[in-house]
Structure formats: C-alpha cells, structure tokens
Amino acid sequence: MAPEFRDPSAEAFWSAGARMVEVARESVVQVRSGSRGSGAGVILDPNGLVMTNHHVVAGNRRGGDLRVTVRDGRSFASKVAKRGRGLDLALLRLEGAPGDMPAARFGDSDALRIGELVYAIGHPWGQLGAVTSGIVSGLGVPRGPGRRVASARYVQSDVSLAPGNSGGPLLNARGEVVGINAMIFGSLALSISSNAASAWVAGEGEPRPRLGVVVRPVGLRGDGDEAQTGLMIVAVEPDGPAGRADLLVGDVLLGVADDAGEAFEDAGSLLEALARRVGEAVRLRVMRGGNISYVNVSLGASGPGRAA
C-alpha cells in the first residue's frame, strides 16, 4: 500500500480557515421581522448595534415584532435605528443588550482582488450559521480597460446564497467583513462593500438617484450572435422618473448612451451609472419589441441612503 501523502502546510491553512469561520460566526445573528421570514445580520458593536439589509426589515415600519437571536441562543426585541433603501442597509438596536456582544471586524473592501477567497455566513432555509465559500469575481463597475471605480459599492462573488442569507457577512480569509450579502443574480452573489456600508453608517455619501424601476438581468443575442446582457424592467413606479419618461414593463435597459458606451450587465452596474449622474438627465439605451431606441430620463435626487 502506498504511503498516505499529507501536506502539513495545506492542513494548517484549512485548519486556520475553520477557526476563523468559527470565530466569525459568533458575530452573525438571525433577524426575524414579524411574519416576513428571517434574514441575517452582523453585530457592529458590543452594545447591540446590528447591520442587516433594508429588505429584511422593510415591513417593520410601525413597531411590529422584530427580534434578533444571537449565536448563543439569546433573543432580543429590537428597533430599527436607521434605514437606507438606496444601499439596502438597515441598523438595528437590540433592547436590553448587556454590552458584551461579539462585534465583527470590518476590513478594507477596496483591498479585495479578483480571485480572492471569500466566505458567506447566514441562515439559508433556516439552517443557522451555514457557511459557503467562493471567490471574488467582480468589484464595482469597470471604467475602461484595467480600471474600475475608486471605491466599489458592490462586490460580486460566486458564494452560494439562498433565502436567509440576506444581511449576513461576506468575509475575507482573515475573517474580516468585506461585504454585506444582499442579492443573487443567476450564479453570482452581490454584496454591499464594507467601505460603502461603513460610510453609510457614518452618514457619509452623496445623494442617491431615483429611477423608480425594478429590474432583472436577461440574456440577449447581439450582432454576430455574440451573447449580451440587459436589465428587463419588471416594475415601474408610476410617478417616478422612469414612469414619467414612459418606460414600460418589458423594456430592456442596455446601457447609457454617452461617449463611454456603458453597458448594464447587472443591477450593480445600473446603480453605479446612476450614482454618477444624480440630479441630472441621463440618456438610456433601451430595447422595446426588438428595436433599440434612446430615452432621456431626469433622475430624481434623494438624501443619502434613500431609494435608488
């Protein structure tokens, strides 16, 4: 029988990763908002401040039942301290927290690199503290060859997310929070970067744009049978900027019709493009019924953290 090969360095790496994840799980909580199901959250400080997604607590506007359960089983009634629909973030304050909450460590999301190993922790399908891993596949939105936004608002990765992961942390290999898991697009996960989340908590950031649509990515066939992507509008706010510009459900947003020729590959790229034009008019390239046209939309401006 051939001798078993053991790589001590590999064993040490995976052992260290397992210890890191176990420590990080202590700062991940379960958030229950009435009958809307549950999501995850991250403890920000020992006094009981928790960050989660806005959509996890979106229905809790009139002081309904909102409870946060920590890793050791303790459950706390909670109140929403701050809401931000634009970045899909919310801050919760735990009532009666004893001041010994295990706070998470936040890292520098701008230091992330494509291909870097990341971990997601949450409660998919009610499975408490489940962990998945993957790699970083995108940061912000590119601005020409080899360039991206100076400080990315979003991190794309291929970690596996499911209902119950919303609001949970995306961790780097050092156990630092580099993103707040928010949504799924096909096989990719979209997380709000830790730097954008920290700036929002501190009250920093520019006014947010309002387009007034709900979109989902769709595959298209371009010239020469090259695969392309677009964002199909699945809902329009009647009195919003898109509604006033006569955009319709079923229209596909392809990009911004300016010199840069920006294309929309996912919701993150749409948000990035709009964020640079808040309060301005933007000319969108739109497909309707197989025909491409251009629509001018005057973006509404709202305060930091408000609806996009």
C-alpha atoms as a PDB file:
ATOM      1  CA  MET A   1       0.000   0.000   0.000  1.00  0.00           C
ATOM      2  CA  ALA A   2       1.359   3.381  -0.991  1.00  0.00           C
ATOM      3  CA  PRO A   3       2.090   5.728   1.934  1.00  0.00           C
ATOM      4  CA  GLU A   4      -0.517   8.427   2.551  1.00  0.00           C
ATOM      5  CA  PHE A   5       0.624  11.853   1.428  1.00  0.00           C
ATOM      6  CA  ARG A   6      -0.049  14.660   3.851  1.00  0.00           C
ATOM      7  CA  ASP A   7       0.733  18.295   3.185  1.00  0.00           C
ATOM      8  CA  PRO A   8       1.247  19.989   6.569  1.00  0.00           C
ATOM      9  CA  SER A   9       1.024  23.472   5.052  1.00  0.00           C
ATOM     10  CA  ALA A  10      -2.341  22.710   3.418  1.00  0.00           C
ATOM     11  CA  GLU A  11      -3.687  21.182   6.628  1.00  0.00           C
ATOM     12  CA  ALA A  12      -2.582  24.254   8.574  1.00  0.00           C
ATOM     13  CA  PHE A  13      -4.267  26.541   6.014  1.00  0.00           C
ATOM     14  CA  TRP A  14      -7.639  24.800   6.176  1.00  0.00           C
ATOM     15  CA  SER A  15      -7.451  24.433   9.949  1.00  0.00           C
ATOM     16  CA  ALA A  16      -6.810  28.163  10.302  1.00  0.00           C
ATOM     17  CA  GLY A  17      -9.732  28.857   7.954  1.00  0.00           C
ATOM     18  CA  ALA A  18     -12.059  26.714  10.028  1.00  0.00           C
ATOM     19  CA  ARG A  19     -11.025  28.515  13.235  1.00  0.00           C
ATOM     20  CA  MET A  20     -11.513  31.881  11.560  1.00  0.00           C
ATOM     21  CA  VAL A  21     -15.022  30.965  10.417  1.00  0.00           C
ATOM     22  CA  GLU A  22     -15.982  29.675  13.853  1.00  0.00           C
ATOM     23  CA  VAL A  23     -14.936  32.959  15.455  1.00  0.00           C
ATOM     24  CA  ALA A  24     -16.749  34.992  12.780  1.00  0.00           C
ATOM     25  CA  ARG A  25     -19.992  33.031  13.281  1.00  0.00           C
ATOM     26  CA  GLU A  26     -20.233  34.447  16.823  1.00  0.00           C
ATOM     27  CA  SER A  27     -20.981  37.903  15.406  1.00  0.00           C
ATOM     28  CA  VAL A  28     -23.674  36.709  12.950  1.00  0.00           C
ATOM     29  CA  VAL A  29     -27.277  36.965  14.161  1.00  0.00           C
ATOM     30  CA  GLN A  30     -30.688  35.881  12.935  1.00  0.00           C
ATOM     31  CA  VAL A  31     -33.201  38.666  12.249  1.00  0.00           C
ATOM     32  CA  ARG A  32     -36.944  37.917  12.329  1.00  0.00           C
ATOM     33  CA  SER A  33     -39.386  40.600  11.255  1.00  0.00           C
ATOM     34  CA  GLY A  34     -42.960  39.570  12.020  1.00  0.00           C
ATOM     35  CA  SER A  35     -44.278  37.015   9.570  1.00  0.00           C
ATOM     36  CA  ARG A  36     -41.902  38.006   6.751  1.00  0.00           C
ATOM     37  CA  GLY A  37     -39.447  35.208   7.495  1.00  0.00           C
ATOM     38  CA  SER A  38     -35.893  35.742   8.578  1.00  0.00           C
ATOM     39  CA  GLY A  39     -32.551  37.035   7.451  1.00  0.00           C
ATOM     40  CA  ALA A  40     -29.114  37.503   8.915  1.00  0.00           C
ATOM     41  CA  GLY A  41     -27.235  40.404  10.441  1.00  0.00           C
ATOM     42  CA  VAL A  42     -23.795  41.403  11.703  1.00  0.00           C
ATOM     43  CA  ILE A  43     -23.047  42.785  15.177  1.00  0.00           C
ATOM     44  CA  LEU A  44     -21.261  46.135  14.843  1.00  0.00           C
ATOM     45  CA  ASP A  45     -20.526  46.941  18.478  1.00  0.00           C
ATOM     46  CA  PRO A  46     -20.752  45.249  21.902  1.00  0.00           C
ATOM     47  CA  ASN A  47     -23.698  47.450  22.909  1.00  0.00           C
ATOM     48  CA  GLY A  48     -26.044  45.747  20.479  1.00  0.00           C
ATOM     49  CA  LEU A  49     -25.934  47.614  17.171  1.00  0.00           C
ATOM     50  CA  VAL A  50     -26.612  45.253  14.249  1.00  0.00           C
ATOM     51  CA  MET A  51     -26.375  45.779  10.488  1.00  0.00           C
ATOM     52  CA  THR A  52     -28.652  43.931   8.079  1.00  0.00           C
ATOM     53  CA  ASN A  53     -30.392  44.510   4.737  1.00  0.00           C
ATOM     54  CA  HIS A  54     -33.207  47.021   4.484  1.00  0.00           C
ATOM     55  CA  HIS A  55     -35.390  44.490   2.689  1.00  0.00           C
ATOM     56  CA  VAL A  56     -35.139  42.123   5.677  1.00  0.00           C
ATOM     57  CA  VAL A  57     -36.966  44.676   7.869  1.00  0.00           C
ATOM     58  CA  ALA A  58     -38.831  46.597   5.160  1.00  0.00           C
ATOM     59  CA  GLY A  59     -42.247  45.669   6.577  1.00  0.00           C
ATOM     60  CA  ASN A  60     -41.365  46.714  10.113  1.00  0.00           C
ATOM     61  CA  ARG A  61     -42.374  50.391   9.979  1.00  0.00           C
ATOM     62  CA  ARG A  62     -44.889  50.573  12.808  1.00  0.00           C
ATOM     63  CA  GLY A  63     -43.028  48.943  15.640  1.00  0.00           C
ATOM     64  CA  GLY A  64     -44.069  45.380  14.811  1.00  0.00           C
ATOM     65  CA  ASP A  65     -42.417  42.299  16.210  1.00  0.00           C
ATOM     66  CA  LEU A  66     -38.713  42.484  15.360  1.00  0.00           C
ATOM     67  CA  ARG A  67     -36.392  40.075  17.129  1.00  0.00           C
ATOM     68  CA  VAL A  68     -32.699  39.319  16.853  1.00  0.00           C
ATOM     69  CA  THR A  69     -31.275  35.994  18.033  1.00  0.00           C
ATOM     70  CA  VAL A  70     -27.551  35.766  18.707  1.00  0.00           C
ATOM     71  CA  ARG A  71     -25.294  32.738  18.367  1.00  0.00           C
ATOM     72  CA  ASP A  72     -25.660  31.570  21.986  1.00  0.00           C
ATOM     73  CA  GLY A  73     -29.451  31.487  21.712  1.00  0.00           C
ATOM     74  CA  ARG A  74     -30.294  34.754  23.439  1.00  0.00           C
ATOM     75  CA  SER A  75     -33.146  36.638  21.769  1.00  0.00           C
ATOM     76  CA  PHE A  76     -33.652  40.406  21.919  1.00  0.00           C
ATOM     77  CA  ALA A  77     -36.520  42.659  20.929  1.00  0.00           C
ATOM     78  CA  SER A  78     -35.101  45.218  18.506  1.00  0.00           C
ATOM     79  CA  LYS A  79     -35.886  48.528  16.853  1.00  0.00           C
ATOM     80  CA  VAL A  80     -34.787  49.936  13.502  1.00  0.00           C
ATOM     81  CA  ALA A  81     -32.321  52.742  14.220  1.00  0.00           C
ATOM     82  CA  LYS A  82     -31.633  53.702  10.602  1.00  0.00           C
ATOM     83  CA  ARG A  83     -32.929  52.686   7.175  1.00  0.00           C
ATOM     84  CA  GLY A  84     -31.343  53.016   3.753  1.00  0.00           C
ATOM     85  CA  ARG A  85     -33.227  51.714   0.723  1.00  0.00           C
ATOM     86  CA  GLY A  86     -30.590  53.024  -1.683  1.00  0.00           C
ATOM     87  CA  LEU A  87     -27.852  50.695  -0.437  1.00  0.00           C
ATOM     88  CA  ASP A  88     -30.350  48.183   1.007  1.00  0.00           C
ATOM     89  CA  LEU A  89     -28.986  48.558   4.546  1.00  0.00           C
ATOM     90  CA  ALA A  90     -30.544  48.953   7.981  1.00  0.00           C
ATOM     91  CA  LEU A  91     -29.228  49.378  11.512  1.00  0.00           C
ATOM     92  CA  LEU A  92     -30.980  47.666  14.414  1.00  0.00           C
ATOM     93  CA  ARG A  93     -30.663  48.457  18.117  1.00  0.00           C
ATOM     94  CA  LEU A  94     -31.047  45.477  20.457  1.00  0.00           C
ATOM     95  CA  GLU A  95     -33.127  46.339  23.523  1.00  0.00           C
ATOM     96  CA  GLY A  96     -31.533  45.279  26.794  1.00  0.00           C
ATOM     97  CA  ALA A  97     -28.219  44.208  25.235  1.00  0.00           C
ATOM     98  CA  PRO A  98     -25.738  43.681  28.113  1.00  0.00           C
ATOM     99  CA  GLY A  99     -22.754  45.275  26.358  1.00  0.00           C
ATOM    100  CA  ASP A 100     -20.892  42.040  25.688  1.00  0.00           C
ATOM    101  CA  MET A 101     -21.953  41.377  22.120  1.00  0.00           C
ATOM    102  CA  PRO A 102     -19.146  39.836  19.976  1.00  0.00           C
ATOM    103  CA  ALA A 103     -18.629  42.562  17.372  1.00  0.00           C
ATOM    104  CA  ALA A 104     -17.389  41.669  13.895  1.00  0.00           C
ATOM    105  CA  ARG A 105     -14.142  43.001  12.471  1.00  0.00           C
ATOM    106  CA  PHE A 106     -14.559  45.062   9.301  1.00  0.00           C
ATOM    107  CA  GLY A 107     -11.904  45.010   6.583  1.00  0.00           C
ATOM    108  CA  ASP A 108     -10.987  47.227   3.638  1.00  0.00           C
ATOM    109  CA  SER A 109     -13.127  46.134   0.690  1.00  0.00           C
ATOM    110  CA  ASP A 110     -11.027  48.248  -1.680  1.00  0.00           C
ATOM    111  CA  ALA A 111      -8.117  45.888  -0.961  1.00  0.00           C
ATOM    112  CA  LEU A 112     -10.006  42.891  -2.401  1.00  0.00           C
ATOM    113  CA  ARG A 113      -8.642  41.292  -5.561  1.00  0.00           C
ATOM    114  CA  ILE A 114     -10.364  39.297  -8.291  1.00  0.00           C
ATOM    115  CA  GLY A 115      -9.997  35.599  -7.463  1.00  0.00           C
ATOM    116  CA  GLU A 116      -9.587  36.159  -3.726  1.00  0.00           C
ATOM    117  CA  LEU A 117     -11.194  33.563  -1.456  1.00  0.00           C
ATOM    118  CA  VAL A 118     -14.285  34.752   0.436  1.00  0.00           C
ATOM    119  CA  TYR A 119     -16.843  33.188   2.771  1.00  0.00           C
ATOM    120  CA  ALA A 120     -20.540  33.879   3.369  1.00  0.00           C
ATOM    121  CA  ILE A 121     -22.350  33.164   6.642  1.00  0.00           C
ATOM    122  CA  GLY A 122     -26.117  33.206   7.069  1.00  0.00           C
ATOM    123  CA  HIS A 123     -29.201  31.131   7.726  1.00  0.00           C
ATOM    124  CA  PRO A 124     -30.342  29.743   4.346  1.00  0.00           C
ATOM    125  CA  TRP A 125     -33.666  27.926   4.569  1.00  0.00           C
ATOM    126  CA  GLY A 126     -33.476  28.204   8.376  1.00  0.00           C
ATOM    127  CA  GLN A 127     -30.128  26.420   8.658  1.00  0.00           C
ATOM    128  CA  LEU A 128     -28.468  28.564  11.320  1.00  0.00           C
ATOM    129  CA  GLY A 129     -24.906  29.719  10.774  1.00  0.00           C
ATOM    130  CA  ALA A 130     -24.398  27.939   7.445  1.00  0.00           C
ATOM    131  CA  VAL A 131     -21.107  28.737   5.680  1.00  0.00           C
ATOM    132  CA  THR A 132     -20.332  28.769   1.954  1.00  0.00           C
ATOM    133  CA  SER A 133     -17.157  29.812   0.153  1.00  0.00           C
ATOM    134  CA  GLY A 134     -16.201  31.140  -3.260  1.00  0.00           C
ATOM    135  CA  ILE A 135     -14.041  33.708  -4.983  1.00  0.00           C
ATOM    136  CA  VAL A 136     -14.392  37.390  -5.793  1.00  0.00           C
ATOM    137  CA  SER A 137     -15.460  37.720  -9.429  1.00  0.00           C
ATOM    138  CA  GLY A 138     -16.069  41.461  -9.716  1.00  0.00           C
ATOM    139  CA  LEU A 139     -15.582  44.777  -7.909  1.00  0.00           C
ATOM    140  CA  GLY A 140     -17.730  47.774  -8.694  1.00  0.00           C
ATOM    141  CA  VAL A 141     -18.085  48.513 -12.390  1.00  0.00           C
ATOM    142  CA  PRO A 142     -15.166  48.787 -14.849  1.00  0.00           C
ATOM    143  CA  ARG A 143     -14.445  52.168 -16.449  1.00  0.00           C
ATOM    144  CA  GLY A 144     -12.385  51.157 -19.417  1.00  0.00           C
ATOM    145  CA  PRO A 145      -9.603  48.570 -19.718  1.00  0.00           C
ATOM    146  CA  GLY A 146      -7.901  47.818 -16.438  1.00  0.00           C
ATOM    147  CA  ARG A 147      -9.832  50.427 -14.478  1.00  0.00           C
ATOM    148  CA  ARG A 148     -12.692  50.368 -12.000  1.00  0.00           C
ATOM    149  CA  VAL A 149     -14.410  52.812  -9.672  1.00  0.00           C
ATOM    150  CA  ALA A 150     -12.149  54.265  -6.996  1.00  0.00           C
ATOM    151  CA  SER A 151     -14.241  52.787  -4.188  1.00  0.00           C
ATOM    152  CA  ALA A 152     -16.546  49.973  -5.256  1.00  0.00           C
ATOM    153  CA  ARG A 153     -20.041  49.914  -3.779  1.00  0.00           C
ATOM    154  CA  TYR A 154     -20.562  46.253  -4.651  1.00  0.00           C
ATOM    155  CA  VAL A 155     -18.640  43.001  -4.535  1.00  0.00           C
ATOM    156  CA  GLN A 156     -19.576  40.152  -6.865  1.00  0.00           C
ATOM    157  CA  SER A 157     -18.663  36.595  -5.896  1.00  0.00           C
ATOM    158  CA  ASP A 158     -19.742  33.030  -6.554  1.00  0.00           C
ATOM    159  CA  VAL A 159     -20.554  32.162  -2.927  1.00  0.00           C
ATOM    160  CA  SER A 160     -23.837  30.271  -2.657  1.00  0.00           C
ATOM    161  CA  LEU A 161     -26.675  32.362  -1.206  1.00  0.00           C
ATOM    162  CA  ALA A 162     -30.309  31.480  -0.505  1.00  0.00           C
ATOM    163  CA  PRO A 163     -33.258  32.987   1.419  1.00  0.00           C
ATOM    164  CA  GLY A 164     -31.971  33.575   4.939  1.00  0.00           C
ATOM    165  CA  ASN A 165     -28.523  34.786   3.844  1.00  0.00           C
ATOM    166  CA  SER A 166     -29.639  38.394   3.310  1.00  0.00           C
ATOM    167  CA  GLY A 167     -27.833  40.766   5.660  1.00  0.00           C
ATOM    168  CA  GLY A 168     -25.110  38.282   6.560  1.00  0.00           C
ATOM    169  CA  PRO A 169     -21.394  38.951   6.138  1.00  0.00           C
ATOM    170  CA  LEU A 170     -19.038  38.291   3.258  1.00  0.00           C
ATOM    171  CA  LEU A 171     -15.645  37.558   4.841  1.00  0.00           C
ATOM    172  CA  ASN A 172     -12.104  37.587   3.539  1.00  0.00           C
ATOM    173  CA  ALA A 173      -9.591  34.899   4.534  1.00  0.00           C
ATOM    174  CA  ARG A 174      -8.657  36.911   7.642  1.00  0.00           C
ATOM    175  CA  GLY A 175     -12.210  36.793   8.966  1.00  0.00           C
ATOM    176  CA  GLU A 176     -12.881  40.468   8.255  1.00  0.00           C
ATOM    177  CA  VAL A 177     -16.247  41.613   6.929  1.00  0.00           C
ATOM    178  CA  VAL A 178     -15.702  42.917   3.395  1.00  0.00           C
ATOM    179  CA  GLY A 179     -19.348  42.928   2.333  1.00  0.00           C
ATOM    180  CA  ILE A 180     -22.979  42.582   3.401  1.00  0.00           C
ATOM    181  CA  ASN A 181     -24.721  39.919   1.310  1.00  0.00           C
ATOM    182  CA  ALA A 182     -27.727  41.427  -0.443  1.00  0.00           C
ATOM    183  CA  MET A 183     -28.969  39.615  -3.548  1.00  0.00           C
ATOM    184  CA  ILE A 184     -28.458  36.888  -6.136  1.00  0.00           C
ATOM    185  CA  PHE A 185     -28.093  37.291  -9.915  1.00  0.00           C
ATOM    186  CA  GLY A 186     -28.006  33.923 -11.613  1.00  0.00           C
ATOM    187  CA  SER A 187     -24.968  32.125 -10.220  1.00  0.00           C
ATOM    188  CA  LEU A 188     -23.429  35.295  -8.764  1.00  0.00           C
ATOM    189  CA  ALA A 189     -23.931  36.909  -5.380  1.00  0.00           C
ATOM    190  CA  LEU A 190     -23.975  40.686  -4.960  1.00  0.00           C
ATOM    191  CA  SER A 191     -22.743  42.138  -1.659  1.00  0.00           C
ATOM    192  CA  ILE A 192     -22.609  45.745  -0.470  1.00  0.00           C
ATOM    193  CA  SER A 193     -18.946  46.529   0.092  1.00  0.00           C
ATOM    194  CA  SER A 194     -17.779  47.070   3.655  1.00  0.00           C
ATOM    195  CA  ASN A 195     -16.380  50.502   2.818  1.00  0.00           C
ATOM    196  CA  ALA A 196     -19.702  51.647   1.354  1.00  0.00           C
ATOM    197  CA  ALA A 197     -21.555  50.214   4.358  1.00  0.00           C
ATOM    198  CA  SER A 198     -19.205  51.903   6.838  1.00  0.00           C
ATOM    199  CA  ALA A 199     -19.578  55.256   5.062  1.00  0.00           C
ATOM    200  CA  TRP A 200     -23.363  54.883   5.202  1.00  0.00           C
ATOM    201  CA  VAL A 201     -23.261  54.170   8.945  1.00  0.00           C
ATOM    202  CA  ALA A 202     -21.146  57.292   9.437  1.00  0.00           C
ATOM    203  CA  GLY A 203     -23.672  59.366   7.486  1.00  0.00           C
ATOM    204  CA  GLU A 204     -21.300  59.978   4.610  1.00  0.00           C
ATOM    205  CA  GLY A 205     -22.052  59.695   0.921  1.00  0.00           C
ATOM    206  CA  GLU A 206     -23.595  61.678  -1.885  1.00  0.00           C
ATOM    207  CA  PRO A 207     -27.328  61.983  -2.598  1.00  0.00           C
ATOM    208  CA  ARG A 208     -28.781  58.863  -4.177  1.00  0.00           C
ATOM    209  CA  PRO A 209     -30.514  58.817  -7.565  1.00  0.00           C
ATOM    210  CA  ARG A 210     -34.083  57.677  -8.117  1.00  0.00           C
ATOM    211  CA  LEU A 211     -35.039  55.863 -11.314  1.00  0.00           C
ATOM    212  CA  GLY A 212     -38.123  54.114  -9.962  1.00  0.00           C
ATOM    213  CA  VAL A 213     -37.854  50.640 -11.523  1.00  0.00           C
ATOM    214  CA  VAL A 214     -37.337  47.020 -10.536  1.00  0.00           C
ATOM    215  CA  VAL A 215     -35.136  45.081 -12.948  1.00  0.00           C
ATOM    216  CA  ARG A 216     -33.753  41.610 -13.519  1.00  0.00           C
ATOM    217  CA  PRO A 217     -30.860  40.526 -15.797  1.00  0.00           C
ATOM    218  CA  VAL A 218     -31.727  38.855 -19.109  1.00  0.00           C
ATOM    219  CA  GLY A 219     -29.602  37.281 -21.803  1.00  0.00           C
ATOM    220  CA  LEU A 220     -29.727  38.784 -25.297  1.00  0.00           C
ATOM    221  CA  ARG A 221     -28.316  37.895 -28.688  1.00  0.00           C
ATOM    222  CA  GLY A 222     -26.337  40.676 -30.298  1.00  0.00           C
ATOM    223  CA  ASP A 223     -24.739  41.227 -33.712  1.00  0.00           C
ATOM    224  CA  GLY A 224     -22.747  38.236 -34.867  1.00  0.00           C
ATOM    225  CA  ASP A 225     -24.514  36.006 -32.335  1.00  0.00           C
ATOM    226  CA  GLU A 226     -22.416  37.461 -29.528  1.00  0.00           C
ATOM    227  CA  ALA A 227     -24.008  36.971 -26.126  1.00  0.00           C
ATOM    228  CA  GLN A 228     -25.065  40.193 -24.419  1.00  0.00           C
ATOM    229  CA  THR A 229     -26.924  41.080 -21.266  1.00  0.00           C
ATOM    230  CA  GLY A 230     -29.520  43.667 -20.347  1.00  0.00           C
ATOM    231  CA  LEU A 231     -31.851  44.568 -17.498  1.00  0.00           C
ATOM    232  CA  MET A 232     -35.532  43.897 -18.084  1.00  0.00           C
ATOM    233  CA  ILE A 233     -37.921  46.228 -16.267  1.00  0.00           C
ATOM    234  CA  VAL A 234     -40.368  44.133 -14.230  1.00  0.00           C
ATOM    235  CA  ALA A 235     -41.997  47.003 -12.308  1.00  0.00           C
ATOM    236  CA  VAL A 236     -42.262  50.767 -12.816  1.00  0.00           C
ATOM    237  CA  GLU A 237     -43.119  53.371 -10.188  1.00  0.00           C
ATOM    238  CA  PRO A 238     -45.845  55.390 -11.988  1.00  0.00           C
ATOM    239  CA  ASP A 239     -44.824  58.772 -10.587  1.00  0.00           C
ATOM    240  CA  GLY A 240     -41.084  58.058 -10.655  1.00  0.00           C
ATOM    241  CA  PRO A 241     -38.555  59.325 -13.221  1.00  0.00           C
ATOM    242  CA  ALA A 242     -38.839  56.161 -15.347  1.00  0.00           C
ATOM    243  CA  GLY A 243     -42.640  56.343 -15.352  1.00  0.00           C
ATOM    244  CA  ARG A 244     -42.605  59.994 -16.372  1.00  0.00           C
ATOM    245  CA  ALA A 245     -40.234  59.100 -19.223  1.00  0.00           C
ATOM    246  CA  ASP A 246     -42.745  56.463 -20.440  1.00  0.00           C
ATOM    247  CA  LEU A 247     -40.517  53.473 -19.745  1.00  0.00           C
ATOM    248  CA  LEU A 248     -42.642  50.321 -19.593  1.00  0.00           C
ATOM    249  CA  VAL A 249     -42.602  46.894 -18.015  1.00  0.00           C
ATOM    250  CA  GLY A 250     -40.843  44.627 -20.513  1.00  0.00           C
ATOM    251  CA  ASP A 251     -38.416  47.288 -21.725  1.00  0.00           C
ATOM    252  CA  VAL A 252     -34.802  46.147 -21.543  1.00  0.00           C
ATOM    253  CA  LEU A 253     -32.213  48.657 -20.349  1.00  0.00           C
ATOM    254  CA  LEU A 254     -28.988  48.133 -22.297  1.00  0.00           C
ATOM    255  CA  GLY A 255     -26.779  50.954 -21.102  1.00  0.00           C
ATOM    256  CA  VAL A 256     -26.055  54.664 -21.027  1.00  0.00           C
ATOM    257  CA  ALA A 257     -25.878  56.322 -24.433  1.00  0.00           C
ATOM    258  CA  ASP A 258     -22.870  58.551 -23.804  1.00  0.00           C
ATOM    259  CA  ASP A 259     -19.312  58.609 -25.077  1.00  0.00           C
ATOM    260  CA  ALA A 260     -18.275  55.870 -22.649  1.00  0.00           C
ATOM    261  CA  GLY A 261     -20.871  53.493 -24.068  1.00  0.00           C
ATOM    262  CA  GLU A 262     -21.585  51.949 -20.670  1.00  0.00           C
ATOM    263  CA  ALA A 263     -23.459  48.634 -20.792  1.00  0.00           C
ATOM    264  CA  PHE A 264     -25.629  47.233 -17.995  1.00  0.00           C
ATOM    265  CA  GLU A 265     -24.518  43.742 -17.028  1.00  0.00           C
ATOM    266  CA  ASP A 266     -26.295  43.599 -13.671  1.00  0.00           C
ATOM    267  CA  ALA A 267     -28.145  45.786 -11.173  1.00  0.00           C
ATOM    268  CA  GLY A 268     -24.836  46.898  -9.688  1.00  0.00           C
ATOM    269  CA  SER A 269     -23.701  48.423 -12.974  1.00  0.00           C
ATOM    270  CA  LEU A 270     -27.022  50.290 -13.264  1.00  0.00           C
ATOM    271  CA  LEU A 271     -26.684  51.703  -9.754  1.00  0.00           C
ATOM    272  CA  GLU A 272     -23.082  52.753 -10.386  1.00  0.00           C
ATOM    273  CA  ALA A 273     -24.039  54.553 -13.604  1.00  0.00           C
ATOM    274  CA  LEU A 274     -26.946  56.380 -11.981  1.00  0.00           C
ATOM    275  CA  ALA A 275     -24.929  57.315  -8.896  1.00  0.00           C
ATOM    276  CA  ARG A 276     -22.543  59.331 -11.080  1.00  0.00           C
ATOM    277  CA  ARG A 277     -25.441  61.286 -12.566  1.00  0.00           C
ATOM    278  CA  VAL A 278     -27.672  62.028  -9.592  1.00  0.00           C
ATOM    279  CA  GLY A 279     -29.932  65.011 -10.232  1.00  0.00           C
ATOM    280  CA  GLU A 280     -29.080  65.016 -13.938  1.00  0.00           C
ATOM    281  CA  ALA A 281     -30.718  63.842 -17.144  1.00  0.00           C
ATOM    282  CA  VAL A 282     -29.427  60.514 -18.422  1.00  0.00           C
ATOM    283  CA  ARG A 283     -29.912  59.113 -21.923  1.00  0.00           C
ATOM    284  CA  LEU A 284     -30.595  55.386 -21.720  1.00  0.00           C
ATOM    285  CA  ARG A 285     -30.286  52.849 -24.499  1.00  0.00           C
ATOM    286  CA  VAL A 286     -33.491  50.788 -24.412  1.00  0.00           C
ATOM    287  CA  MET A 287     -34.759  47.737 -26.296  1.00  0.00           C
ATOM    288  CA  ARG A 288     -38.513  47.521 -26.832  1.00  0.00           C
ATOM    289  CA  GLY A 289     -40.077  44.912 -29.079  1.00  0.00           C
ATOM    290  CA  GLY A 290     -36.690  44.052 -30.580  1.00  0.00           C
ATOM    291  CA  ASN A 291     -35.978  47.657 -31.560  1.00  0.00           C
ATOM    292  CA  ILE A 292     -33.380  49.848 -29.875  1.00  0.00           C
ATOM    293  CA  SER A 293     -34.208  53.453 -29.030  1.00  0.00           C
ATOM    294  CA  TYR A 294     -32.946  56.157 -26.677  1.00  0.00           C
ATOM    295  CA  VAL A 295     -34.902  57.585 -23.761  1.00  0.00           C
ATOM    296  CA  ASN A 296     -33.994  60.688 -21.774  1.00  0.00           C
ATOM    297  CA  VAL A 297     -34.728  60.325 -18.065  1.00  0.00           C
ATOM    298  CA  SER A 298     -34.369  63.119 -15.492  1.00  0.00           C
ATOM    299  CA  LEU A 299     -33.096  61.390 -12.378  1.00  0.00           C
ATOM    300  CA  GLY A 300     -34.651  62.391  -9.089  1.00  0.00           C
ATOM    301  CA  ALA A 301     -32.320  63.055  -6.178  1.00  0.00           C
ATOM    302  CA  SER A 302     -32.893  61.926  -2.632  1.00  0.00           C
ATOM    303  CA  GLY A 303     -30.827  62.007   0.538  1.00  0.00           C
ATOM    304  CA  PRO A 304     -28.018  59.563   1.258  1.00  0.00           C
ATOM    305  CA  GLY A 305     -29.296  56.062   1.764  1.00  0.00           C
ATOM    306  CA  ARG A 306     -32.718  56.711   0.256  1.00  0.00           C
ATOM    307  CA  ALA A 307     -34.346  54.827  -2.607  1.00  0.00           C
ATOM    308  CA  ALA A 308     -32.361  54.377  -5.813  1.00  0.00           C
END
